Amino acid sequence: MFGGIGMPELILILVIVLIVFGAGKLPELGAGLGKGIRNFKKSVGEANEALESTEKPEKIDQKQ
C-alpha cells in the first residue's frame, strides 16, 4: 500500500496520534496541514511562473 506500511501499522499510527493530540485537536491539525500544503503548492507555482517568464538568453553567432 504505502511501501511497506500496511493497514495494521496505519491504524496503530492513527491511534497513537489520537492519544497524543486528542480528538479535539485533530481537526485543527488537519486544517493546519492543509493550509501548509496549499501554501507550498502556491509557492512552487509562483517560482515556476517566475522561471518561465524570464527570457532565455539567445545564442549569438560570432562568425569571424
PDB file of N, CA and C in Angstrom:
ATOM      1  N   MET A   1       0.821  -1.184   0.000  1.00  0.00           N
ATOM      2  CA  MET A   1       0.000   0.000   0.000  1.00  0.00           C
ATOM      3  C   MET A   1       0.870   1.255   0.000  1.00  0.00           C
ATOM      4  N   PHE A   2       1.546   1.545   1.080  1.00  0.00           N
ATOM      5  CA  PHE A   2       2.420   2.704   1.176  1.00  0.00           C
ATOM      6  C   PHE A   2       3.871   2.263   1.318  1.00  0.00           C
ATOM      7  N   GLY A   3       4.295   1.341   0.511  1.00  0.00           N
ATOM      8  CA  GLY A   3       5.684   0.917   0.521  1.00  0.00           C
ATOM      9  C   GLY A   3       6.134   0.256   1.806  1.00  0.00           C
ATOM     10  N   GLY A   4       5.437  -0.752   2.259  1.00  0.00           N
ATOM     11  CA  GLY A   4       5.845  -1.474   3.449  1.00  0.00           C
ATOM     12  C   GLY A   4       4.998  -1.162   4.671  1.00  0.00           C
ATOM     13  N   ILE A   5       4.161  -0.145   4.581  1.00  0.00           N
ATOM     14  CA  ILE A   5       3.270   0.171   5.692  1.00  0.00           C
ATOM     15  C   ILE A   5       1.906  -0.403   5.350  1.00  0.00           C
ATOM     16  N   GLY A   6       1.468  -1.338   6.136  1.00  0.00           N
ATOM     17  CA  GLY A   6       0.183  -1.978   5.894  1.00  0.00           C
ATOM     18  C   GLY A   6      -0.925  -1.360   6.722  1.00  0.00           C
ATOM     19  N   MET A   7      -2.094  -1.944   6.634  1.00  0.00           N
ATOM     20  CA  MET A   7      -3.255  -1.429   7.359  1.00  0.00           C
ATOM     21  C   MET A   7      -3.065  -1.484   8.878  1.00  0.00           C
ATOM     22  N   PRO A   8      -2.520  -2.559   9.449  1.00  0.00           N
ATOM     23  CA  PRO A   8      -2.330  -2.564  10.911  1.00  0.00           C
ATOM     24  C   PRO A   8      -1.397  -1.445  11.397  1.00  0.00           C
ATOM     25  N   GLU A   9      -0.353  -1.183  10.647  1.00  0.00           N
ATOM     26  CA  GLU A   9       0.570  -0.119  11.027  1.00  0.00           C
ATOM     27  C   GLU A   9      -0.098   1.245  10.959  1.00  0.00           C
ATOM     28  N   LEU A  10      -0.893   1.483   9.914  1.00  0.00           N
ATOM     29  CA  LEU A  10      -1.599   2.754   9.786  1.00  0.00           C
ATOM     30  C   LEU A  10      -2.589   2.961  10.929  1.00  0.00           C
ATOM     31  N   ILE A  11      -3.298   1.915  11.301  1.00  0.00           N
ATOM     32  CA  ILE A  11      -4.252   2.000  12.407  1.00  0.00           C
ATOM     33  C   ILE A  11      -3.519   2.307  13.704  1.00  0.00           C
ATOM     34  N   LEU A  12      -2.384   1.662  13.929  1.00  0.00           N
ATOM     35  CA  LEU A  12      -1.591   1.913  15.124  1.00  0.00           C
ATOM     36  C   LEU A  12      -1.105   3.364  15.165  1.00  0.00           C
ATOM     37  N   ILE A  13      -0.642   3.880  14.052  1.00  0.00           N
ATOM     38  CA  ILE A  13      -0.189   5.271  13.987  1.00  0.00           C
ATOM     39  C   ILE A  13      -1.341   6.220  14.276  1.00  0.00           C
ATOM     40  N   LEU A  14      -2.510   5.963  13.694  1.00  0.00           N
ATOM     41  CA  LEU A  14      -3.668   6.821  13.936  1.00  0.00           C
ATOM     42  C   LEU A  14      -4.112   6.791  15.391  1.00  0.00           C
ATOM     43  N   VAL A  15      -4.060   5.627  16.026  1.00  0.00           N
ATOM     44  CA  VAL A  15      -4.421   5.518  17.442  1.00  0.00           C
ATOM     45  C   VAL A  15      -3.435   6.304  18.300  1.00  0.00           C
ATOM     46  N   ILE A  16      -2.154   6.210  17.999  1.00  0.00           N
ATOM     47  CA  ILE A  16      -1.141   6.945  18.764  1.00  0.00           C
ATOM     48  C   ILE A  16      -1.342   8.450  18.591  1.00  0.00           C
ATOM     49  N   VAL A  17      -1.617   8.890  17.368  1.00  0.00           N
ATOM     50  CA  VAL A  17      -1.866  10.320  17.128  1.00  0.00           C
ATOM     51  C   VAL A  17      -3.098  10.774  17.897  1.00  0.00           C
ATOM     52  N   LEU A  18      -4.133   9.953  17.907  1.00  0.00           N
ATOM     53  CA  LEU A  18      -5.351  10.287  18.638  1.00  0.00           C
ATOM     54  C   LEU A  18      -5.088  10.399  20.137  1.00  0.00           C
ATOM     55  N   ILE A  19      -4.277   9.507  20.675  1.00  0.00           N
ATOM     56  CA  ILE A  19      -3.951   9.541  22.103  1.00  0.00           C
ATOM     57  C   ILE A  19      -3.103  10.772  22.435  1.00  0.00           C
ATOM     58  N   VAL A  20      -2.118  11.074  21.594  1.00  0.00           N
ATOM     59  CA  VAL A  20      -1.200  12.180  21.877  1.00  0.00           C
ATOM     60  C   VAL A  20      -1.900  13.533  21.754  1.00  0.00           C
ATOM     61  N   PHE A  21      -2.637  13.751  20.676  1.00  0.00           N
ATOM     62  CA  PHE A  21      -3.215  15.063  20.419  1.00  0.00           C
ATOM     63  C   PHE A  21      -4.659  15.198  20.890  1.00  0.00           C
ATOM     64  N   GLY A  22      -5.368  14.114  21.026  1.00  0.00           N
ATOM     65  CA  GLY A  22      -6.763  14.180  21.448  1.00  0.00           C
ATOM     66  C   GLY A  22      -7.688  14.418  20.263  1.00  0.00           C
ATOM     67  N   ALA A  23      -8.936  14.065  20.459  1.00  0.00           N
ATOM     68  CA  ALA A  23      -9.912  14.156  19.369  1.00  0.00           C
ATOM     69  C   ALA A  23     -10.220  15.600  19.009  1.00  0.00           C
ATOM     70  N   GLY A  24     -10.116  16.516  19.960  1.00  0.00           N
ATOM     71  CA  GLY A  24     -10.433  17.915  19.692  1.00  0.00           C
ATOM     72  C   GLY A  24      -9.407  18.620  18.831  1.00  0.00           C
ATOM     73  N   LYS A  25      -8.161  18.197  18.911  1.00  0.00           N
ATOM     74  CA  LYS A  25      -7.088  18.860  18.165  1.00  0.00           C
ATOM     75  C   LYS A  25      -6.912  18.320  16.749  1.00  0.00           C
ATOM     76  N   LEU A  26      -7.457  17.150  16.453  1.00  0.00           N
ATOM     77  CA  LEU A  26      -7.246  16.566  15.128  1.00  0.00           C
ATOM     78  C   LEU A  26      -7.781  17.441  13.995  1.00  0.00           C
ATOM     79  N   PRO A  27      -8.972  18.033  14.104  1.00  0.00           N
ATOM     80  CA  PRO A  27      -9.418  18.916  13.009  1.00  0.00           C
ATOM     81  C   PRO A  27      -8.502  20.134  12.827  1.00  0.00           C
ATOM     82  N   GLU A  28      -8.006  20.664  13.920  1.00  0.00           N
ATOM     83  CA  GLU A  28      -7.087  21.793  13.829  1.00  0.00           C
ATOM     84  C   GLU A  28      -5.780  21.384  13.155  1.00  0.00           C
ATOM     85  N   LEU A  29      -5.287  20.215  13.496  1.00  0.00           N
ATOM     86  CA  LEU A  29      -4.064  19.715  12.861  1.00  0.00           C
ATOM     87  C   LEU A  29      -4.274  19.494  11.371  1.00  0.00           C
ATOM     88  N   GLY A  30      -5.415  18.923  11.018  1.00  0.00           N
ATOM     89  CA  GLY A  30      -5.723  18.693   9.604  1.00  0.00           C
ATOM     90  C   GLY A  30      -5.835  19.990   8.830  1.00  0.00           C
ATOM     91  N   ALA A  31      -6.494  20.991   9.421  1.00  0.00           N
ATOM     92  CA  ALA A  31      -6.633  22.289   8.755  1.00  0.00           C
ATOM     93  C   ALA A  31      -5.274  22.957   8.586  1.00  0.00           C
ATOM     94  N   GLY A  32      -4.444  22.880   9.616  1.00  0.00           N
ATOM     95  CA  GLY A  32      -3.106  23.459   9.524  1.00  0.00           C
ATOM     96  C   GLY A  32      -2.252  22.779   8.474  1.00  0.00           C
ATOM     97  N   LEU A  33      -2.354  21.475   8.421  1.00  0.00           N
ATOM     98  CA  LEU A  33      -1.606  20.719   7.412  1.00  0.00           C
ATOM     99  C   LEU A  33      -2.085  21.069   6.013  1.00  0.00           C
ATOM    100  N   GLY A  34      -3.391  21.190   5.845  1.00  0.00           N
ATOM    101  CA  GLY A  34      -3.950  21.561   4.540  1.00  0.00           C
ATOM    102  C   GLY A  34      -3.503  22.938   4.096  1.00  0.00           C
ATOM    103  N   LYS A  35      -3.485  23.896   5.026  1.00  0.00           N
ATOM    104  CA  LYS A  35      -3.025  25.247   4.694  1.00  0.00           C
ATOM    105  C   LYS A  35      -1.549  25.239   4.320  1.00  0.00           C
ATOM    106  N   GLY A  36      -0.772  24.457   5.037  1.00  0.00           N
ATOM    107  CA  GLY A  36       0.652  24.371   4.731  1.00  0.00           C
ATOM    108  C   GLY A  36       0.906  23.792   3.350  1.00  0.00           C
ATOM    109  N   ILE A  37       0.197  22.749   3.007  1.00  0.00           N
ATOM    110  CA  ILE A  37       0.351  22.132   1.685  1.00  0.00           C
ATOM    111  C   ILE A  37      -0.098  23.097   0.601  1.00  0.00           C
ATOM    112  N   ARG A  38      -1.210  23.802   0.842  1.00  0.00           N
ATOM    113  CA  ARG A  38      -1.730  24.771  -0.132  1.00  0.00           C
ATOM    114  C   ARG A  38      -0.721  25.895  -0.356  1.00  0.00           C
ATOM    115  N   ASN A  39      -0.139  26.419   0.720  1.00  0.00           N
ATOM    116  CA  ASN A  39       0.868  27.481   0.581  1.00  0.00           C
ATOM    117  C   ASN A  39       2.114  26.989  -0.137  1.00  0.00           C
ATOM    118  N   PHE A  40       2.504  25.754   0.137  1.00  0.00           N
ATOM    119  CA  PHE A  40       3.671  25.184  -0.538  1.00  0.00           C
ATOM    120  C   PHE A  40       3.426  25.074  -2.042  1.00  0.00           C
ATOM    121  N   LYS A  41       2.253  24.562  -2.418  1.00  0.00           N
ATOM    122  CA  LYS A  41       1.925  24.436  -3.842  1.00  0.00           C
ATOM    123  C   LYS A  41       1.876  25.800  -4.516  1.00  0.00           C
ATOM    124  N   LYS A  42       1.322  26.792  -3.811  1.00  0.00           N
ATOM    125  CA  LYS A  42       1.249  28.143  -4.362  1.00  0.00           C
ATOM    126  C   LYS A  42       2.656  28.700  -4.586  1.00  0.00           C
ATOM    127  N   SER A  43       3.541  28.507  -3.626  1.00  0.00           N
ATOM    128  CA  SER A  43       4.911  28.994  -3.744  1.00  0.00           C
ATOM    129  C   SER A  43       5.653  28.320  -4.889  1.00  0.00           C
ATOM    130  N   VAL A  44       5.464  27.023  -5.020  1.00  0.00           N
ATOM    131  CA  VAL A  44       6.122  26.294  -6.108  1.00  0.00           C
ATOM    132  C   VAL A  44       5.600  26.783  -7.455  1.00  0.00           C
ATOM    133  N   GLY A  45       4.289  27.008  -7.551  1.00  0.00           N
ATOM    134  CA  GLY A  45       3.705  27.506  -8.791  1.00  0.00           C
ATOM    135  C   GLY A  45       4.226  28.886  -9.149  1.00  0.00           C
ATOM    136  N   GLU A  46       4.339  29.775  -8.147  1.00  0.00           N
ATOM    137  CA  GLU A  46       4.866  31.109  -8.400  1.00  0.00           C
ATOM    138  C   GLU A  46       6.324  31.054  -8.827  1.00  0.00           C
ATOM    139  N   ALA A  47       7.094  30.161  -8.230  1.00  0.00           N
ATOM    140  CA  ALA A  47       8.505  30.025  -8.611  1.00  0.00           C
ATOM    141  C   ALA A  47       8.620  29.522 -10.046  1.00  0.00           C
ATOM    142  N   ASN A  48       7.775  28.565 -10.416  1.00  0.00           N
ATOM    143  CA  ASN A  48       7.800  28.055 -11.790  1.00  0.00           C
ATOM    144  C   ASN A  48       7.415  29.144 -12.781  1.00  0.00           C
ATOM    145  N   GLU A  49       6.397  29.947 -12.435  1.00  0.00           N
ATOM    146  CA  GLU A  49       5.994  31.045 -13.318  1.00  0.00           C
ATOM    147  C   GLU A  49       7.122  32.056 -13.481  1.00  0.00           C
ATOM    148  N   ALA A  50       7.817  32.355 -12.393  1.00  0.00           N
ATOM    149  CA  ALA A  50       8.919  33.308 -12.460  1.00  0.00           C
ATOM    150  C   ALA A  50      10.045  32.774 -13.342  1.00  0.00           C
ATOM    151  N   LEU A  51      10.324  31.492 -13.250  1.00  0.00           N
ATOM    152  CA  LEU A  51      11.375  30.909 -14.088  1.00  0.00           C
ATOM    153  C   LEU A  51      10.973  30.878 -15.546  1.00  0.00           C
ATOM    154  N   GLU A  52       9.708  30.593 -15.821  1.00  0.00           N
ATOM    155  CA  GLU A  52       9.241  30.530 -17.203  1.00  0.00           C
ATOM    156  C   GLU A  52       9.142  31.914 -17.820  1.00  0.00           C
ATOM    157  N   SER A  53       8.872  32.933 -17.010  1.00  0.00           N
ATOM    158  CA  SER A  53       8.690  34.277 -17.560  1.00  0.00           C
ATOM    159  C   SER A  53      10.017  34.946 -17.909  1.00  0.00           C
ATOM    160  N   THR A  54      11.096  34.495 -17.297  1.00  0.00           N
ATOM    161  CA  THR A  54      12.387  35.086 -17.643  1.00  0.00           C
ATOM    162  C   THR A  54      12.789  34.607 -19.020  1.00  0.00           C
ATOM    163  N   GLU A  55      13.323  35.527 -19.790  1.00  0.00           N
ATOM    164  CA  GLU A  55      13.726  35.164 -21.150  1.00  0.00           C
ATOM    165  C   GLU A  55      15.056  34.437 -21.115  1.00  0.00           C
ATOM    166  N   LYS A  56      15.140  33.453 -21.941  1.00  0.00           N
ATOM    167  CA  LYS A  56      16.398  32.733 -22.065  1.00  0.00           C
ATOM    168  C   LYS A  56      17.316  33.534 -22.977  1.00  0.00           C
ATOM    169  N   PRO A  57      18.567  33.653 -22.617  1.00  0.00           N
ATOM    170  CA  PRO A  57      19.479  34.407 -23.479  1.00  0.00           C
ATOM    171  C   PRO A  57      19.650  33.701 -24.821  1.00  0.00           C
ATOM    172  N   GLU A  58      19.598  34.491 -25.858  1.00  0.00           N
ATOM    173  CA  GLU A  58      19.753  33.928 -27.202  1.00  0.00           C
ATOM    174  C   GLU A  58      21.222  33.730 -27.500  1.00  0.00           C
ATOM    175  N   LYS A  59      21.480  32.706 -28.269  1.00  0.00           N
ATOM    176  CA  LYS A  59      22.853  32.454 -28.680  1.00  0.00           C
ATOM    177  C   LYS A  59      23.214  33.428 -29.804  1.00  0.00           C
ATOM    178  N   ILE A  60      24.340  34.035 -29.659  1.00  0.00           N
ATOM    179  CA  ILE A  60      24.816  34.984 -30.676  1.00  0.00           C
ATOM    180  C   ILE A  60      25.915  34.300 -31.467  1.00  0.00           C
ATOM    181  N   ASP A  61      25.669  34.196 -32.751  1.00  0.00           N
ATOM    182  CA  ASP A  61      26.672  33.592 -33.614  1.00  0.00           C
ATOM    183  C   ASP A  61      27.747  34.637 -33.904  1.00  0.00           C
ATOM    184  N   GLN A  62      28.932  34.322 -33.532  1.00  0.00           N
ATOM    185  CA  GLN A  62      30.035  35.237 -33.766  1.00  0.00           C
ATOM    186  C   GLN A  62      30.941  34.606 -34.819  1.00  0.00           C
ATOM    187  N   LYS A  63      30.571  34.839 -36.060  1.00  0.00           N
ATOM    188  CA  LYS A  63      31.374  34.311 -37.155  1.00  0.00           C
ATOM    189  C   LYS A  63      32.461  35.313 -37.470  1.00  0.00           C
ATOM    190  N   GLN A  64      33.679  34.828 -37.614  1.00  0.00           N
ATOM    191  CA  GLN A  64      34.794  35.716 -37.934  1.00  0.00           C
ATOM    192  C   GLN A  64      35.374  35.374 -39.248  1.00  0.00           C
TER     193      GLN A  64
END
